[in-house]
Amino acid sequence: MDGDTTFMHPSQTMRSGLIAVAAFAAFAFGQARAQEISESHLAAARTAVNAIESTDQFDNILLNAATQVKADLIGNNPNLQTEISDMVDDKALALAPRRGDLENEVARVYARLFTEQELTQIGEFYGSEAGKKLLRQGPLATREMLAAAEIWTNGIVRDLRVSSVNAMADLMPTTGAVAPTTDPASTPAPVTSGASTAQ
């Protein structure tokens, strides 16, 4: 190579990259160890996670996996349907305790995002009757909120169009603006999804 330019073989470049990655990983691991989560903090996180039912959506994963495995195996061995079904159920039951691993990981996620005091407050509220009712009625409240917002939006858009078109009369003598040829009140307002537009 001309001049002082140094050529680095691809393997050297890769080795340097791997060393840099390893150094960064070691630093990150050291930082994580320096910020280890206390047992009481984790306990508060687990209580909050249980109270807000954040992992309930994963309840059927193992069951669905067992159903799929049974279907695959029985499809190839229909004469062993009962034996296969019992065997897969036994294997699934053996894996069931690993659900605790997921609970612990989710608790750690919350513990990194919230203080122990905040998690305690979250657990206390969602463990109360008001908190439980909020979890039960939350989806219904959201649907009705969106429906109300849609009706309100349609009314606002309609009334803004009407008042703006009517105000054009003040602008036309001086600007030569063209008045609309249709009744603005009869023009449908934009419609959002999912609810009645009756006003």
C-alpha atoms as a PDB file:
ATOM      1  CA  MET A   1       0.000   0.000   0.000  1.00  0.00           C
ATOM      2  CA  ASP A   2       1.224   3.581  -0.733  1.00  0.00           C
ATOM      3  CA  GLY A   3       2.139   5.960   2.054  1.00  0.00           C
ATOM      4  CA  ASP A   4       1.463   5.185   5.688  1.00  0.00           C
ATOM      5  CA  THR A   5      -1.921   3.525   5.121  1.00  0.00           C
ATOM      6  CA  THR A   6      -2.120   0.270   7.093  1.00  0.00           C
ATOM      7  CA  PHE A   7      -4.113  -2.599   5.640  1.00  0.00           C
ATOM      8  CA  MET A   8      -6.013  -4.668   8.187  1.00  0.00           C
ATOM      9  CA  HIS A   9      -6.970  -8.192   7.225  1.00  0.00           C
ATOM     10  CA  PRO A  10     -10.725  -8.929   7.530  1.00  0.00           C
ATOM     11  CA  SER A  11     -10.041 -11.456  10.275  1.00  0.00           C
ATOM     12  CA  GLN A  12      -8.210  -8.797  12.263  1.00  0.00           C
ATOM     13  CA  THR A  13     -11.132  -6.404  11.821  1.00  0.00           C
ATOM     14  CA  MET A  14     -13.563  -9.059  13.011  1.00  0.00           C
ATOM     15  CA  ARG A  15     -11.354  -9.906  15.989  1.00  0.00           C
ATOM     16  CA  SER A  16     -11.151  -6.232  16.958  1.00  0.00           C
ATOM     17  CA  GLY A  17     -14.935  -5.961  16.698  1.00  0.00           C
ATOM     18  CA  LEU A  18     -15.448  -9.020  18.874  1.00  0.00           C
ATOM     19  CA  ILE A  19     -13.058  -7.663  21.483  1.00  0.00           C
ATOM     20  CA  ALA A  20     -14.969  -4.374  21.535  1.00  0.00           C
ATOM     21  CA  VAL A  21     -18.296  -6.205  21.901  1.00  0.00           C
ATOM     22  CA  ALA A  22     -16.900  -8.361  24.694  1.00  0.00           C
ATOM     23  CA  ALA A  23     -15.575  -5.295  26.497  1.00  0.00           C
ATOM     24  CA  PHE A  24     -18.941  -3.572  26.207  1.00  0.00           C
ATOM     25  CA  ALA A  25     -20.760  -6.670  27.458  1.00  0.00           C
ATOM     26  CA  ALA A  26     -18.437  -6.906  30.442  1.00  0.00           C
ATOM     27  CA  PHE A  27     -19.068  -3.235  31.220  1.00  0.00           C
ATOM     28  CA  ALA A  28     -22.836  -3.665  30.899  1.00  0.00           C
ATOM     29  CA  PHE A  29     -22.747  -6.744  33.133  1.00  0.00           C
ATOM     30  CA  GLY A  30     -20.767  -4.817  35.715  1.00  0.00           C
ATOM     31  CA  GLN A  31     -23.289  -1.988  35.599  1.00  0.00           C
ATOM     32  CA  ALA A  32     -26.164  -4.451  36.014  1.00  0.00           C
ATOM     33  CA  ARG A  33     -24.469  -6.064  38.990  1.00  0.00           C
ATOM     34  CA  ALA A  34     -23.916  -2.621  40.479  1.00  0.00           C
ATOM     35  CA  GLN A  35     -27.637  -1.980  40.245  1.00  0.00           C
ATOM     36  CA  GLU A  36     -28.889  -5.309  41.544  1.00  0.00           C
ATOM     37  CA  ILE A  37     -32.511  -5.318  42.637  1.00  0.00           C
ATOM     38  CA  SER A  38     -33.216  -6.047  46.286  1.00  0.00           C
ATOM     39  CA  GLU A  39     -35.471  -8.907  47.332  1.00  0.00           C
ATOM     40  CA  SER A  40     -38.022  -6.519  48.824  1.00  0.00           C
ATOM     41  CA  HIS A  41     -38.073  -4.540  45.573  1.00  0.00           C
ATOM     42  CA  LEU A  42     -38.651  -7.748  43.590  1.00  0.00           C
ATOM     43  CA  ALA A  43     -41.346  -8.841  46.015  1.00  0.00           C
ATOM     44  CA  ALA A  44     -43.154  -5.520  45.523  1.00  0.00           C
ATOM     45  CA  ALA A  45     -42.814  -5.960  41.746  1.00  0.00           C
ATOM     46  CA  ARG A  46     -44.278  -9.475  41.873  1.00  0.00           C
ATOM     47  CA  THR A  47     -47.207  -8.211  43.939  1.00  0.00           C
ATOM     48  CA  ALA A  48     -47.832  -5.407  41.443  1.00  0.00           C
ATOM     49  CA  VAL A  49     -47.549  -7.763  38.455  1.00  0.00           C
ATOM     50  CA  ASN A  50     -50.068 -10.130  40.017  1.00  0.00           C
ATOM     51  CA  ALA A  51     -52.401  -7.289  40.935  1.00  0.00           C
ATOM     52  CA  ILE A  52     -52.500  -5.818  37.423  1.00  0.00           C
ATOM     53  CA  GLU A  53     -52.751  -9.300  35.876  1.00  0.00           C
ATOM     54  CA  SER A  54     -50.043  -8.390  33.374  1.00  0.00           C
ATOM     55  CA  THR A  55     -49.051 -12.006  32.656  1.00  0.00           C
ATOM     56  CA  ASP A  56     -52.548 -13.494  32.453  1.00  0.00           C
ATOM     57  CA  GLN A  57     -52.383 -13.155  28.675  1.00  0.00           C
ATOM     58  CA  PHE A  58     -49.736 -15.888  28.647  1.00  0.00           C
ATOM     59  CA  ASP A  59     -51.815 -18.457  30.546  1.00  0.00           C
ATOM     60  CA  ASN A  60     -52.722 -20.482  27.468  1.00  0.00           C
ATOM     61  CA  ILE A  61     -49.304 -20.653  25.821  1.00  0.00           C
ATOM     62  CA  LEU A  62     -48.355 -24.061  27.227  1.00  0.00           C
ATOM     63  CA  LEU A  63     -51.861 -25.443  26.659  1.00  0.00           C
ATOM     64  CA  ASN A  64     -51.879 -24.253  23.056  1.00  0.00           C
ATOM     65  CA  ALA A  65     -48.407 -25.666  22.483  1.00  0.00           C
ATOM     66  CA  ALA A  66     -49.489 -29.048  23.868  1.00  0.00           C
ATOM     67  CA  THR A  67     -52.550 -29.058  21.606  1.00  0.00           C
ATOM     68  CA  GLN A  68     -50.385 -28.311  18.569  1.00  0.00           C
ATOM     69  CA  VAL A  69     -47.826 -30.972  19.440  1.00  0.00           C
ATOM     70  CA  LYS A  70     -50.582 -33.543  19.937  1.00  0.00           C
ATOM     71  CA  ALA A  71     -52.085 -32.693  16.565  1.00  0.00           C
ATOM     72  CA  ASP A  72     -48.710 -33.041  14.832  1.00  0.00           C
ATOM     73  CA  LEU A  73     -47.824 -36.345  16.461  1.00  0.00           C
ATOM     74  CA  ILE A  74     -51.274 -37.914  16.217  1.00  0.00           C
ATOM     75  CA  GLY A  75     -51.493 -36.899  12.556  1.00  0.00           C
ATOM     76  CA  ASN A  76     -48.529 -39.152  11.846  1.00  0.00           C
ATOM     77  CA  ASN A  77     -49.550 -41.858  14.325  1.00  0.00           C
ATOM     78  CA  PRO A  78     -53.360 -41.930  14.556  1.00  0.00           C
ATOM     79  CA  ASN A  79     -53.307 -45.411  16.073  1.00  0.00           C
ATOM     80  CA  LEU A  80     -51.524 -44.012  19.152  1.00  0.00           C
ATOM     81  CA  GLN A  81     -53.885 -41.123  19.826  1.00  0.00           C
ATOM     82  CA  THR A  82     -54.562 -41.906  23.480  1.00  0.00           C
ATOM     83  CA  GLU A  83     -50.957 -42.729  24.293  1.00  0.00           C
ATOM     84  CA  ILE A  84     -49.664 -39.603  22.568  1.00  0.00           C
ATOM     85  CA  SER A  85     -52.234 -37.382  24.276  1.00  0.00           C
ATOM     86  CA  ASP A  86     -51.330 -38.719  27.730  1.00  0.00           C
ATOM     87  CA  MET A  87     -47.601 -38.471  27.019  1.00  0.00           C
ATOM     88  CA  VAL A  88     -47.781 -34.856  25.821  1.00  0.00           C
ATOM     89  CA  ASP A  89     -49.911 -33.905  28.835  1.00  0.00           C
ATOM     90  CA  ASP A  90     -47.267 -35.383  31.141  1.00  0.00           C
ATOM     91  CA  LYS A  91     -44.496 -33.474  29.354  1.00  0.00           C
ATOM     92  CA  ALA A  92     -46.501 -30.251  29.531  1.00  0.00           C
ATOM     93  CA  LEU A  93     -47.098 -30.681  33.245  1.00  0.00           C
ATOM     94  CA  ALA A  94     -43.373 -31.176  33.723  1.00  0.00           C
ATOM     95  CA  LEU A  95     -42.755 -27.824  32.044  1.00  0.00           C
ATOM     96  CA  ALA A  96     -45.489 -25.967  33.938  1.00  0.00           C
ATOM     97  CA  PRO A  97     -43.208 -24.866  36.828  1.00  0.00           C
ATOM     98  CA  ARG A  98     -41.172 -22.849  34.329  1.00  0.00           C
ATOM     99  CA  ARG A  99     -44.024 -20.338  34.314  1.00  0.00           C
ATOM    100  CA  GLY A 100     -42.336 -18.986  37.428  1.00  0.00           C
ATOM    101  CA  ASP A 101     -39.358 -17.966  35.289  1.00  0.00           C
ATOM    102  CA  LEU A 102     -41.620 -15.712  33.245  1.00  0.00           C
ATOM    103  CA  GLU A 103     -43.156 -14.193  36.368  1.00  0.00           C
ATOM    104  CA  ASN A 104     -39.683 -13.415  37.724  1.00  0.00           C
ATOM    105  CA  GLU A 105     -38.525 -11.829  34.469  1.00  0.00           C
ATOM    106  CA  VAL A 106     -41.632  -9.653  34.230  1.00  0.00           C
ATOM    107  CA  ALA A 107     -41.185  -8.637  37.871  1.00  0.00           C
ATOM    108  CA  ARG A 108     -37.611  -7.591  37.081  1.00  0.00           C
ATOM    109  CA  VAL A 109     -38.870  -5.490  34.166  1.00  0.00           C
ATOM    110  CA  TYR A 110     -41.239  -3.629  36.477  1.00  0.00           C
ATOM    111  CA  ALA A 111     -38.590  -3.347  39.193  1.00  0.00           C
ATOM    112  CA  ARG A 112     -36.279  -1.603  36.731  1.00  0.00           C
ATOM    113  CA  LEU A 113     -39.011   0.844  35.718  1.00  0.00           C
ATOM    114  CA  PHE A 114     -40.605   1.601  39.094  1.00  0.00           C
ATOM    115  CA  THR A 115     -39.322   2.204  42.599  1.00  0.00           C
ATOM    116  CA  GLU A 116     -40.233  -0.172  45.390  1.00  0.00           C
ATOM    117  CA  GLN A 117     -42.571   2.433  46.879  1.00  0.00           C
ATOM    118  CA  GLU A 118     -44.329   2.963  43.545  1.00  0.00           C
ATOM    119  CA  LEU A 119     -44.771  -0.776  43.053  1.00  0.00           C
ATOM    120  CA  THR A 120     -46.210  -1.100  46.543  1.00  0.00           C
ATOM    121  CA  GLN A 121     -48.721   1.648  45.753  1.00  0.00           C
ATOM    122  CA  ILE A 122     -49.622   0.010  42.439  1.00  0.00           C
ATOM    123  CA  GLY A 123     -50.133  -3.344  44.130  1.00  0.00           C
ATOM    124  CA  GLU A 124     -52.265  -1.823  46.856  1.00  0.00           C
ATOM    125  CA  PHE A 125     -54.518   0.037  44.433  1.00  0.00           C
ATOM    126  CA  TYR A 126     -55.035  -2.789  41.931  1.00  0.00           C
ATOM    127  CA  GLY A 127     -55.483  -5.206  44.809  1.00  0.00           C
ATOM    128  CA  SER A 128     -58.348  -3.084  46.123  1.00  0.00           C
ATOM    129  CA  GLU A 129     -61.950  -3.437  44.996  1.00  0.00           C
ATOM    130  CA  ALA A 130     -61.687  -0.211  42.998  1.00  0.00           C
ATOM    131  CA  GLY A 131     -58.542  -1.438  41.257  1.00  0.00           C
ATOM    132  CA  LYS A 132     -60.057  -4.822  40.456  1.00  0.00           C
ATOM    133  CA  LYS A 133     -63.150  -3.132  39.042  1.00  0.00           C
ATOM    134  CA  LEU A 134     -60.966  -0.880  36.891  1.00  0.00           C
ATOM    135  CA  LEU A 135     -59.305  -3.973  35.407  1.00  0.00           C
ATOM    136  CA  ARG A 136     -62.686  -5.614  34.748  1.00  0.00           C
ATOM    137  CA  GLN A 137     -64.450  -2.575  33.343  1.00  0.00           C
ATOM    138  CA  GLY A 138     -61.443  -0.953  31.659  1.00  0.00           C
ATOM    139  CA  PRO A 139     -62.039  -2.471  28.187  1.00  0.00           C
ATOM    140  CA  LEU A 140     -65.727  -1.472  28.242  1.00  0.00           C
ATOM    141  CA  ALA A 141     -64.844   2.034  29.407  1.00  0.00           C
ATOM    142  CA  THR A 142     -62.339   2.333  26.561  1.00  0.00           C
ATOM    143  CA  ARG A 143     -64.873   1.246  23.930  1.00  0.00           C
ATOM    144  CA  GLU A 144     -67.505   3.663  25.212  1.00  0.00           C
ATOM    145  CA  MET A 145     -64.934   6.447  25.456  1.00  0.00           C
ATOM    146  CA  LEU A 146     -63.991   5.965  21.788  1.00  0.00           C
ATOM    147  CA  ALA A 147     -67.664   5.958  20.776  1.00  0.00           C
ATOM    148  CA  ALA A 148     -68.289   9.210  22.675  1.00  0.00           C
ATOM    149  CA  ALA A 149     -65.152  10.774  21.182  1.00  0.00           C
ATOM    150  CA  GLU A 150     -66.311   9.840  17.682  1.00  0.00           C
ATOM    151  CA  ILE A 151     -69.714  11.478  18.144  1.00  0.00           C
ATOM    152  CA  TRP A 152     -68.071  14.561  19.678  1.00  0.00           C
ATOM    153  CA  THR A 153     -65.544  14.758  16.818  1.00  0.00           C
ATOM    154  CA  ASN A 154     -68.249  14.550  14.169  1.00  0.00           C
ATOM    155  CA  GLY A 155     -70.200  17.343  15.870  1.00  0.00           C
ATOM    156  CA  ILE A 156     -67.128  19.563  16.225  1.00  0.00           C
ATOM    157  CA  VAL A 157     -66.109  19.085  12.572  1.00  0.00           C
ATOM    158  CA  ARG A 158     -69.669  19.717  11.367  1.00  0.00           C
ATOM    159  CA  ASP A 159     -70.119  22.865  13.457  1.00  0.00           C
ATOM    160  CA  LEU A 160     -66.712  24.225  12.481  1.00  0.00           C
ATOM    161  CA  ARG A 161     -67.547  23.711   8.810  1.00  0.00           C
ATOM    162  CA  VAL A 162     -70.932  25.414   9.179  1.00  0.00           C
ATOM    163  CA  SER A 163     -69.610  28.413  11.115  1.00  0.00           C
ATOM    164  CA  SER A 164     -66.646  28.842   8.765  1.00  0.00           C
ATOM    165  CA  VAL A 165     -68.819  28.690   5.628  1.00  0.00           C
ATOM    166  CA  ASN A 166     -71.258  31.186   7.112  1.00  0.00           C
ATOM    167  CA  ALA A 167     -68.363  33.509   7.948  1.00  0.00           C
ATOM    168  CA  MET A 168     -67.336  33.481   4.301  1.00  0.00           C
ATOM    169  CA  ALA A 169     -70.046  36.112   3.759  1.00  0.00           C
ATOM    170  CA  ASP A 170     -67.868  38.615   5.601  1.00  0.00           C
ATOM    171  CA  LEU A 171     -64.875  37.778   3.394  1.00  0.00           C
ATOM    172  CA  MET A 172     -66.505  37.695  -0.030  1.00  0.00           C
ATOM    173  CA  PRO A 173     -67.045  41.466  -0.583  1.00  0.00           C
ATOM    174  CA  THR A 174     -63.367  42.246  -0.037  1.00  0.00           C
ATOM    175  CA  THR A 175     -61.567  39.150  -1.236  1.00  0.00           C
ATOM    176  CA  GLY A 176     -63.824  37.764  -3.925  1.00  0.00           C
ATOM    177  CA  ALA A 177     -63.975  34.403  -2.209  1.00  0.00           C
ATOM    178  CA  VAL A 178     -66.382  31.903  -3.744  1.00  0.00           C
ATOM    179  CA  ALA A 179     -69.263  30.714  -1.576  1.00  0.00           C
ATOM    180  CA  PRO A 180     -69.864  26.947  -1.367  1.00  0.00           C
ATOM    181  CA  THR A 181     -72.514  25.527  -3.666  1.00  0.00           C
ATOM    182  CA  THR A 182     -73.767  22.969  -1.130  1.00  0.00           C
ATOM    183  CA  ASP A 183     -75.303  23.271   2.290  1.00  0.00           C
ATOM    184  CA  PRO A 184     -72.381  22.732   4.703  1.00  0.00           C
ATOM    185  CA  ALA A 185     -74.693  21.235   7.307  1.00  0.00           C
ATOM    186  CA  SER A 186     -75.615  18.463   4.875  1.00  0.00           C
ATOM    187  CA  THR A 187     -71.997  17.482   4.241  1.00  0.00           C
ATOM    188  CA  PRO A 188     -71.099  14.445   6.344  1.00  0.00           C
ATOM    189  CA  ALA A 189     -68.288  14.919   8.803  1.00  0.00           C
ATOM    190  CA  PRO A 190     -65.302  12.562   8.859  1.00  0.00           C
ATOM    191  CA  VAL A 191     -66.151   9.292  10.537  1.00  0.00           C
ATOM    192  CA  THR A 192     -63.732   7.425  12.764  1.00  0.00           C
ATOM    193  CA  SER A 193     -63.987   3.684  13.168  1.00  0.00           C
ATOM    194  CA  GLY A 194     -66.076   1.676  15.571  1.00  0.00           C
ATOM    195  CA  ALA A 195     -69.083   3.663  16.749  1.00  0.00           C
ATOM    196  CA  SER A 196     -72.379   5.286  15.765  1.00  0.00           C
ATOM    197  CA  THR A 197     -72.222   8.757  14.240  1.00  0.00           C
ATOM    198  CA  ALA A 198     -75.676   9.806  15.431  1.00  0.00           C
ATOM    199  CA  GLN A 199     -75.747  13.258  17.003  1.00  0.00           C
END
